[in-house]
Protein backbone atom coordinates (compact mmCIF):
# COMPACT_ATOMS: atom_id res chain seq x y z
CA MET A 1 -8.95 -7.20 37.18
CA ALA A 2 -12.28 -5.69 37.94
CA SER A 3 -13.61 -5.53 41.68
CA ASN A 4 -16.03 -8.02 43.00
CA THR A 5 -18.11 -5.23 44.68
CA PRO A 6 -21.46 -4.82 42.81
CA LYS A 7 -21.79 -1.53 40.78
CA GLU A 8 -23.87 1.02 42.69
CA ASN A 9 -26.43 1.43 39.90
CA ARG A 10 -26.97 -2.38 40.01
CA THR A 11 -27.60 -2.31 43.85
CA ASN A 12 -29.89 0.70 43.46
CA GLU A 13 -31.92 -1.00 40.81
CA ILE A 14 -32.37 -4.19 43.08
CA ALA A 15 -33.22 -2.00 46.08
CA ALA A 16 -35.78 0.05 43.90
CA ASP A 17 -37.30 -3.13 42.47
CA GLN A 18 -37.72 -4.58 45.94
CA LYS A 19 -39.32 -1.41 47.24
CA LEU A 20 -41.78 -1.62 44.43
CA ILE A 21 -42.62 -5.25 45.30
CA ASP A 22 -43.01 -4.19 48.94
CA GLY A 23 -45.44 -1.30 47.90
CA LEU A 24 -47.44 -3.70 45.53
CA THR A 25 -47.70 -6.35 48.27
CA LYS A 26 -48.89 -3.93 50.70
CA HIS A 27 -51.53 -2.36 48.52
CA ALA A 28 -52.51 -5.49 46.51
CA ALA A 29 -56.19 -4.87 47.41
CA THR A 30 -56.19 -1.37 46.27
CA LEU A 31 -54.41 -2.18 43.02
CA PRO A 32 -55.75 -5.69 41.73
CA SER A 33 -54.43 -5.21 38.18
CA PHE A 34 -52.65 -2.95 35.71
CA LEU A 35 -53.27 -2.15 32.04
CA ILE A 36 -49.95 -2.45 30.26
CA ALA A 37 -49.75 -1.94 26.43
CA GLY A 38 -53.41 -2.61 26.17
CA VAL A 39 -53.16 -5.85 28.23
CA SER A 40 -54.53 -6.38 31.77
CA THR A 41 -51.98 -7.75 34.02
CA THR A 42 -52.48 -8.72 37.77
CA THR A 43 -50.36 -7.31 40.49
CA THR A 44 -49.25 -10.86 41.47
CA ASN A 45 -47.88 -11.17 37.84
CA VAL A 46 -46.16 -7.79 38.18
CA ILE A 47 -44.56 -8.78 41.53
CA ALA A 48 -43.38 -12.07 39.78
CA LYS A 49 -41.80 -10.14 37.00
CA LEU A 50 -39.93 -7.77 39.52
CA GLN A 51 -38.77 -10.77 41.53
CA ALA A 52 -37.29 -12.32 38.27
CA ARG A 53 -35.59 -9.01 37.54
CA ILE A 54 -33.99 -9.10 41.04
CA ALA A 55 -32.91 -12.61 40.64
CA ALA A 56 -31.22 -11.77 37.32
CA GLU A 57 -29.44 -8.91 38.65
CA GLN A 58 -28.15 -10.83 41.59
CA ALA A 59 -26.88 -13.59 39.38
CA VAL A 60 -24.65 -11.25 37.48
CA GLN A 61 -22.02 -10.79 40.24
CA PRO A 62 -21.26 -14.46 41.02
CA ALA A 63 -21.26 -15.18 37.21
CA LYS A 64 -18.88 -12.32 36.59
CA ALA A 65 -16.51 -13.62 39.34
CA THR A 66 -16.62 -17.09 37.89
CA TRP A 67 -15.87 -15.88 34.34
CA GLN A 68 -13.00 -13.85 35.60
CA ALA A 69 -11.57 -16.87 37.47
CA THR A 70 -12.10 -19.00 34.37
CA ILE A 71 -10.20 -16.40 32.27
CA GLN A 72 -7.30 -16.39 34.75
CA GLN A 73 -7.02 -20.07 34.72
CA ALA A 74 -6.91 -20.25 30.86
CA ARG A 75 -4.19 -17.49 30.94
CA SER A 76 -2.10 -19.50 33.51
CA GLU A 77 -2.39 -22.61 31.45
CA ILE A 78 -1.38 -20.90 28.32
CA ALA A 79 1.59 -19.45 29.94
CA ALA A 80 2.64 -22.71 31.53
CA THR A 81 2.49 -24.66 28.23
CA LYS A 82 3.77 -22.01 25.87
CA SER A 83 7.43 -23.40 25.90
CA VAL A 84 6.10 -26.94 25.02
CA VAL A 85 3.88 -25.79 22.25
CA SER A 86 6.66 -23.60 20.88
CA ALA A 87 9.17 -26.51 20.99
CA VAL A 88 6.76 -28.81 19.34
CA LYS A 89 6.06 -26.28 16.31
CA GLN A 90 9.86 -25.75 15.84
CA ALA A 91 10.41 -29.58 15.70
CA ILE A 92 7.59 -29.91 13.19
CA LEU A 93 8.93 -27.07 11.01
CA THR A 94 12.38 -28.68 11.07
CA ALA A 95 11.10 -32.07 10.30
CA PHE A 96 8.83 -31.23 7.43
CA ALA A 97 10.78 -28.17 6.13
CA GLY A 98 9.79 -27.31 2.60
CA GLN A 99 6.70 -29.55 2.71
CA VAL A 100 3.95 -27.08 2.44
CA ASP A 101 1.14 -29.49 2.29
CA THR A 102 2.37 -31.53 5.38
CA LEU A 103 2.96 -28.37 7.46
CA ALA A 104 -0.56 -27.16 6.42
CA ASP A 105 -1.78 -30.36 8.38
CA PHE A 106 -0.55 -28.87 11.55
CA GLY A 107 -1.69 -25.36 10.72
CA LEU A 108 1.67 -24.09 10.04
CA THR A 109 3.33 -22.40 7.16
CA PRO A 110 7.18 -22.85 6.24
CA ARG A 111 9.61 -20.19 7.39
CA LYS A 112 10.31 -17.46 5.02
CA VAL A 113 13.81 -17.04 3.89
CA ARG A 114 14.83 -13.43 3.73
CA VAL A 115 16.36 -12.75 0.41
CA LEU A 116 18.31 -9.39 0.10
CA SER A 117 18.67 -7.63 -3.20
CA PRO A 118 22.21 -6.51 -4.23
CA GLN A 119 21.43 -2.89 -3.19
CA GLN A 120 20.39 -4.14 0.22
CA LYS A 121 23.60 -6.23 0.70
CA VAL A 122 25.65 -3.30 -0.38
CA ALA A 123 23.92 -0.93 2.15
CA ALA A 124 24.06 -3.56 4.89
CA ALA A 125 27.90 -3.84 4.26
CA ALA A 126 28.43 -0.12 4.23
CA LYS A 127 26.47 0.15 7.52
CA SER A 128 28.55 -2.69 9.14
CA LYS A 129 31.74 -0.84 8.16
CA ALA A 130 30.52 2.32 9.54
CA THR A 131 29.49 0.75 12.74
CA ARG A 132 32.78 -0.76 13.17
CA ALA A 133 34.64 2.39 12.63
CA ALA A 134 32.44 4.24 15.04
CA ARG A 135 32.80 1.59 17.72
CA HIS A 136 36.56 1.33 16.93
CA THR A 137 36.32 -2.31 16.45
CA THR A 138 39.43 -4.14 15.35
CA GLY A 139 40.37 -7.54 14.38
CA SER A 140 43.15 -9.56 16.07
CA VAL A 141 45.97 -8.54 13.65
CA GLN A 142 45.03 -4.82 14.14
CA LYS A 143 44.94 -5.44 17.82
CA GLN A 144 48.52 -6.61 17.75
CA ALA A 145 49.75 -3.71 15.91
CA VAL A 146 48.37 -1.21 18.67
CA LYS A 147 50.96 -0.53 21.28
CA GLY A 148 50.84 2.01 24.25
CA ASP A 149 53.11 5.11 24.11
CA VAL A 150 54.80 6.04 27.45
CA THR A 151 56.09 9.65 27.77
CA GLY A 152 57.49 11.52 30.75
CA VAL A 153 58.83 8.41 32.56
CA VAL A 154 62.64 8.28 33.24
CA VAL A 155 64.20 4.90 34.13
CA THR A 156 67.10 5.10 36.62
CA PRO A 157 69.27 2.09 37.02
CA VAL A 158 69.89 0.90 40.64
CA THR A 159 73.59 1.06 41.44
CA SER A 160 75.51 0.28 44.53
CA ALA A 161 78.73 1.92 45.97
CA PRO A 162 81.88 -0.11 45.56
CA GLY A 163 82.68 -2.31 48.39
CA THR A 164 79.15 -2.77 49.68
CA VAL A 165 76.80 -5.48 49.15
CA VAL A 166 73.06 -4.69 48.56
CA SER A 167 71.38 -7.08 51.03
CA PRO A 168 67.86 -8.46 50.37
CA PRO A 169 65.08 -6.70 52.05
CA GLY A 170 65.19 -7.11 55.86
CA GLY A 171 68.82 -7.94 56.11
CA PRO A 172 71.71 -5.50 56.90
CA ALA A 173 74.23 -4.52 54.31
CA SER A 174 77.76 -5.89 54.81
CA PRO A 175 80.96 -4.50 53.40
CA THR A 176 82.54 -6.43 50.57
CA PRO A 177 86.20 -7.15 50.45
CA ALA A 178 87.99 -5.13 47.66
CA GLY A 179 88.21 -7.02 44.33
CA SER A 180 85.37 -9.40 45.31
CA THR A 181 82.10 -9.60 43.60
CA THR A 182 78.63 -10.43 44.58
CA THR A 183 76.33 -13.00 42.93
CA SER A 184 72.54 -12.51 42.14
CA GLY A 185 71.69 -14.43 45.34
CA GLY A 186 73.90 -11.97 47.32
CA ALA A 187 76.60 -14.18 48.28
CA VAL A 188 80.13 -12.75 48.13
CA GLN A 189 82.76 -14.34 45.87
CA ALA A 190 86.24 -13.98 46.71
CA PRO A 191 88.66 -12.37 43.99
CA ALA A 192 90.68 -14.89 42.03
CA HIS A 193 94.41 -14.91 43.05
CA SER A 194 97.04 -14.83 40.38
CA THR A 195 100.48 -16.67 41.05
């Protein structure tokens, strides 16, 4: 937005006009009239015209500030009501879809339906397929078929020495009687006796 400071040339013009008025007032007795474009004009009349010029120049700055404030107010109001106007237009377009005459009453035109030619449809399908390939986009069935490959990993089963019990973390290992077994919970099960 422009500055509210008066332009230098306008300030200079006002100062020059005022200086001219001061000089004409001081020497009014010496210069009682002027011949301008073949017409005689009094010094008082010239001073009145110069004062009108100064008044007009001085009125510019407040008028400009008012004009700028009015424009800013209009822009703010338009921004604040934009969503309301847009929603109303959409509602009217939906309510009177296909009714050109009725929409014209609101200053609206019906939405244009985009119609693609067969060549455009083929080109769009080819472009879509190329985009999927470039992005490595797959469907749900293709995703299930993709499995990760693991190489260089050796799986070693955990075994315990005969006669020892692998205790849970934090507990000491205790010897297991010969012929007994351990359960998954770490409990020792006595061997079955045969008679």
